[in-house]
Amino acid sequence: QVQLVESGGGLVQPGGSLRLSCVASGTISRIAAMGWYRQAPGKQRELVADITRGGTTTYQDSVKGRFTISRDNAKTTVFLEMNSLKPEDTAVYYCNAIVQVIATSVVWGQGIQVTVSS
């Protein structure tokens, strides 16, 4: 099993920066990809960015050039560096992992609040 724990959220002014971290534990060798999703009030959860085991990254168009997803060398921690934050980035951010054992499953973190407001 894989467990995910997020940290780093909070309140920031427009134009500011935050760095989210997601630490994976358990059978991390079975993780095929990790990513960040977000869900704003009244909206569906959406992909922000993800990174495959091979290092390929994907970004939502609205965050390209502002957000960067990365991971540590041990591939146990994924980071989301968020710059030039806008009020519309306000949401609960969730870390997720695609885990491949016999079948493929999706694991979610508990979520962390990011609020961009003056």
C-alpha atoms as a PDB file:
ATOM      1  CA  GLN A   1       0.000   0.000   0.000  1.00  0.00           C
ATOM      2  CA  VAL A   2       0.993   3.615  -0.562  1.00  0.00           C
ATOM      3  CA  GLN A   3       0.250   6.527   1.738  1.00  0.00           C
ATOM      4  CA  LEU A   4       0.567  10.196   0.810  1.00  0.00           C
ATOM      5  CA  VAL A   5       1.008  13.178   3.136  1.00  0.00           C
ATOM      6  CA  GLU A   6       0.862  16.739   1.830  1.00  0.00           C
ATOM      7  CA  SER A   7       2.280  19.884   3.406  1.00  0.00           C
ATOM      8  CA  GLY A   8       3.060  23.481   2.536  1.00  0.00           C
ATOM      9  CA  GLY A   9      -0.305  25.097   1.903  1.00  0.00           C
ATOM     10  CA  GLY A  10      -1.572  28.312   3.393  1.00  0.00           C
ATOM     11  CA  LEU A  11      -2.568  31.883   2.687  1.00  0.00           C
ATOM     12  CA  VAL A  12      -0.588  33.969   0.217  1.00  0.00           C
ATOM     13  CA  GLN A  13      -1.130  37.299  -1.507  1.00  0.00           C
ATOM     14  CA  PRO A  14      -1.653  37.501  -5.269  1.00  0.00           C
ATOM     15  CA  GLY A  15       1.672  37.321  -7.034  1.00  0.00           C
ATOM     16  CA  GLY A  16       3.197  35.342  -4.211  1.00  0.00           C
ATOM     17  CA  SER A  17       4.659  31.846  -4.103  1.00  0.00           C
ATOM     18  CA  LEU A  18       4.105  28.603  -2.253  1.00  0.00           C
ATOM     19  CA  ARG A  19       5.746  25.211  -2.365  1.00  0.00           C
ATOM     20  CA  LEU A  20       3.702  22.090  -1.751  1.00  0.00           C
ATOM     21  CA  SER A  21       5.284  18.786  -0.782  1.00  0.00           C
ATOM     22  CA  CYS A  22       3.876  15.277  -0.941  1.00  0.00           C
ATOM     23  CA  VAL A  23       5.700  12.467   0.793  1.00  0.00           C
ATOM     24  CA  ALA A  24       4.921   8.914  -0.281  1.00  0.00           C
ATOM     25  CA  SER A  25       5.483   5.900   1.935  1.00  0.00           C
ATOM     26  CA  GLY A  26       4.798   2.210   1.603  1.00  0.00           C
ATOM     27  CA  THR A  27       5.359   0.294  -1.625  1.00  0.00           C
ATOM     28  CA  ILE A  28       6.793   3.269  -3.484  1.00  0.00           C
ATOM     29  CA  SER A  29       8.458   1.012  -6.055  1.00  0.00           C
ATOM     30  CA  ARG A  30       4.977   0.407  -7.475  1.00  0.00           C
ATOM     31  CA  ILE A  31       4.238   4.079  -8.104  1.00  0.00           C
ATOM     32  CA  ALA A  32       3.970   4.767 -11.836  1.00  0.00           C
ATOM     33  CA  ALA A  33       3.214   8.473 -11.573  1.00  0.00           C
ATOM     34  CA  MET A  34       2.436  11.170  -9.030  1.00  0.00           C
ATOM     35  CA  GLY A  35       0.577  14.386  -9.442  1.00  0.00           C
ATOM     36  CA  TRP A  36      -1.285  17.305  -7.977  1.00  0.00           C
ATOM     37  CA  TYR A  37      -4.964  17.974  -8.434  1.00  0.00           C
ATOM     38  CA  ARG A  38      -7.069  20.793  -7.053  1.00  0.00           C
ATOM     39  CA  GLN A  39     -10.695  21.388  -6.285  1.00  0.00           C
ATOM     40  CA  ALA A  40     -12.228  24.805  -5.806  1.00  0.00           C
ATOM     41  CA  PRO A  41     -15.634  25.250  -4.132  1.00  0.00           C
ATOM     42  CA  GLY A  42     -18.426  24.251  -6.493  1.00  0.00           C
ATOM     43  CA  LYS A  43     -16.031  22.927  -9.113  1.00  0.00           C
ATOM     44  CA  GLN A  44     -14.785  19.530 -10.166  1.00  0.00           C
ATOM     45  CA  ARG A  45     -11.382  18.260  -9.160  1.00  0.00           C
ATOM     46  CA  GLU A  46      -8.880  18.988 -11.924  1.00  0.00           C
ATOM     47  CA  LEU A  47      -5.345  18.004 -12.785  1.00  0.00           C
ATOM     48  CA  VAL A  48      -2.744  20.656 -12.038  1.00  0.00           C
ATOM     49  CA  ALA A  49       0.427  18.772 -12.926  1.00  0.00           C
ATOM     50  CA  ASP A  50       1.848  15.285 -12.845  1.00  0.00           C
ATOM     51  CA  ILE A  51       5.157  13.501 -13.301  1.00  0.00           C
ATOM     52  CA  THR A  52       5.708   9.932 -14.420  1.00  0.00           C
ATOM     53  CA  ARG A  53       8.267   7.535 -13.032  1.00  0.00           C
ATOM     54  CA  GLY A  54      10.337   8.271 -16.111  1.00  0.00           C
ATOM     55  CA  GLY A  55      10.206  11.997 -15.423  1.00  0.00           C
ATOM     56  CA  THR A  56       7.706  13.130 -18.033  1.00  0.00           C
ATOM     57  CA  THR A  57       5.653  16.076 -16.805  1.00  0.00           C
ATOM     58  CA  THR A  58       2.220  17.371 -17.749  1.00  0.00           C
ATOM     59  CA  TYR A  59       0.664  20.703 -16.792  1.00  0.00           C
ATOM     60  CA  GLN A  60      -2.773  22.235 -16.962  1.00  0.00           C
ATOM     61  CA  ASP A  61      -2.666  25.128 -19.426  1.00  0.00           C
ATOM     62  CA  SER A  62      -3.588  27.722 -16.795  1.00  0.00           C
ATOM     63  CA  VAL A  63      -0.507  26.968 -14.677  1.00  0.00           C
ATOM     64  CA  LYS A  64       2.109  26.549 -17.406  1.00  0.00           C
ATOM     65  CA  GLY A  65       5.022  28.893 -16.825  1.00  0.00           C
ATOM     66  CA  ARG A  66       3.956  29.537 -13.223  1.00  0.00           C
ATOM     67  CA  PHE A  67       3.983  26.103 -11.558  1.00  0.00           C
ATOM     68  CA  THR A  68       6.731  23.493 -11.591  1.00  0.00           C
ATOM     69  CA  ILE A  69       6.398  19.876 -10.508  1.00  0.00           C
ATOM     70  CA  SER A  70       9.517  18.023  -9.427  1.00  0.00           C
ATOM     71  CA  ARG A  71      10.598  15.184  -7.200  1.00  0.00           C
ATOM     72  CA  ASP A  72      13.544  14.123  -5.091  1.00  0.00           C
ATOM     73  CA  ASN A  73      16.092  11.572  -6.276  1.00  0.00           C
ATOM     74  CA  ALA A  74      14.612   8.839  -4.125  1.00  0.00           C
ATOM     75  CA  LYS A  75      11.255   9.426  -5.844  1.00  0.00           C
ATOM     76  CA  THR A  76       9.507   9.511  -2.504  1.00  0.00           C
ATOM     77  CA  THR A  77       8.621  13.199  -2.454  1.00  0.00           C
ATOM     78  CA  VAL A  78       6.938  15.291  -5.108  1.00  0.00           C
ATOM     79  CA  PHE A  79       6.972  19.068  -4.990  1.00  0.00           C
ATOM     80  CA  LEU A  80       4.773  21.680  -6.594  1.00  0.00           C
ATOM     81  CA  GLU A  81       6.438  25.069  -6.813  1.00  0.00           C
ATOM     82  CA  MET A  82       3.746  27.682  -7.383  1.00  0.00           C
ATOM     83  CA  ASN A  83       4.741  31.188  -8.457  1.00  0.00           C
ATOM     84  CA  SER A  84       2.774  34.251  -9.562  1.00  0.00           C
ATOM     85  CA  LEU A  85      -0.247  32.919  -7.720  1.00  0.00           C
ATOM     86  CA  LYS A  86      -3.672  34.235  -8.639  1.00  0.00           C
ATOM     87  CA  PRO A  87      -6.932  34.269  -6.677  1.00  0.00           C
ATOM     88  CA  GLU A  88      -8.276  31.656  -9.099  1.00  0.00           C
ATOM     89  CA  ASP A  89      -5.591  29.265  -7.871  1.00  0.00           C
ATOM     90  CA  THR A  90      -7.421  29.101  -4.549  1.00  0.00           C
ATOM     91  CA  ALA A  91      -8.476  25.507  -3.922  1.00  0.00           C
ATOM     92  CA  VAL A  92      -7.832  22.387  -1.930  1.00  0.00           C
ATOM     93  CA  TYR A  93      -4.810  20.723  -3.502  1.00  0.00           C
ATOM     94  CA  TYR A  94      -4.562  16.951  -3.495  1.00  0.00           C
ATOM     95  CA  CYS A  95      -1.548  14.785  -4.129  1.00  0.00           C
ATOM     96  CA  ASN A  96      -2.181  11.559  -5.969  1.00  0.00           C
ATOM     97  CA  ALA A  97      -0.280   8.475  -7.003  1.00  0.00           C
ATOM     98  CA  ILE A  98      -0.935   5.877  -9.676  1.00  0.00           C
ATOM     99  CA  VAL A  99       0.039   2.548  -8.180  1.00  0.00           C
ATOM    100  CA  GLN A 100       0.551  -0.532 -10.328  1.00  0.00           C
ATOM    101  CA  VAL A 101       0.577  -3.911  -8.634  1.00  0.00           C
ATOM    102  CA  ILE A 102      -1.608  -6.596 -10.198  1.00  0.00           C
ATOM    103  CA  ALA A 103      -4.174  -3.923 -11.004  1.00  0.00           C
ATOM    104  CA  THR A 104      -3.804  -0.179 -11.229  1.00  0.00           C
ATOM    105  CA  SER A 105      -5.140   1.912  -8.373  1.00  0.00           C
ATOM    106  CA  VAL A 106      -5.196   5.582  -7.468  1.00  0.00           C
ATOM    107  CA  VAL A 107      -4.186   6.801  -4.030  1.00  0.00           C
ATOM    108  CA  TRP A 108      -5.055  10.288  -2.731  1.00  0.00           C
ATOM    109  CA  GLY A 109      -3.638  12.440  -0.009  1.00  0.00           C
ATOM    110  CA  GLN A 110      -5.876  14.198   2.489  1.00  0.00           C
ATOM    111  CA  GLY A 111      -5.745  17.539   0.697  1.00  0.00           C
ATOM    112  CA  ILE A 112      -4.291  20.869   1.684  1.00  0.00           C
ATOM    113  CA  GLN A 113      -5.804  24.331   1.428  1.00  0.00           C
ATOM    114  CA  VAL A 114      -4.184  27.021  -0.713  1.00  0.00           C
ATOM    115  CA  THR A 115      -5.762  30.460  -0.508  1.00  0.00           C
ATOM    116  CA  VAL A 116      -4.629  33.365  -2.667  1.00  0.00           C
ATOM    117  CA  SER A 117      -6.078  36.594  -1.370  1.00  0.00           C
ATOM    118  CA  SER A 118      -5.085  40.114  -0.452  1.00  0.00           C
END
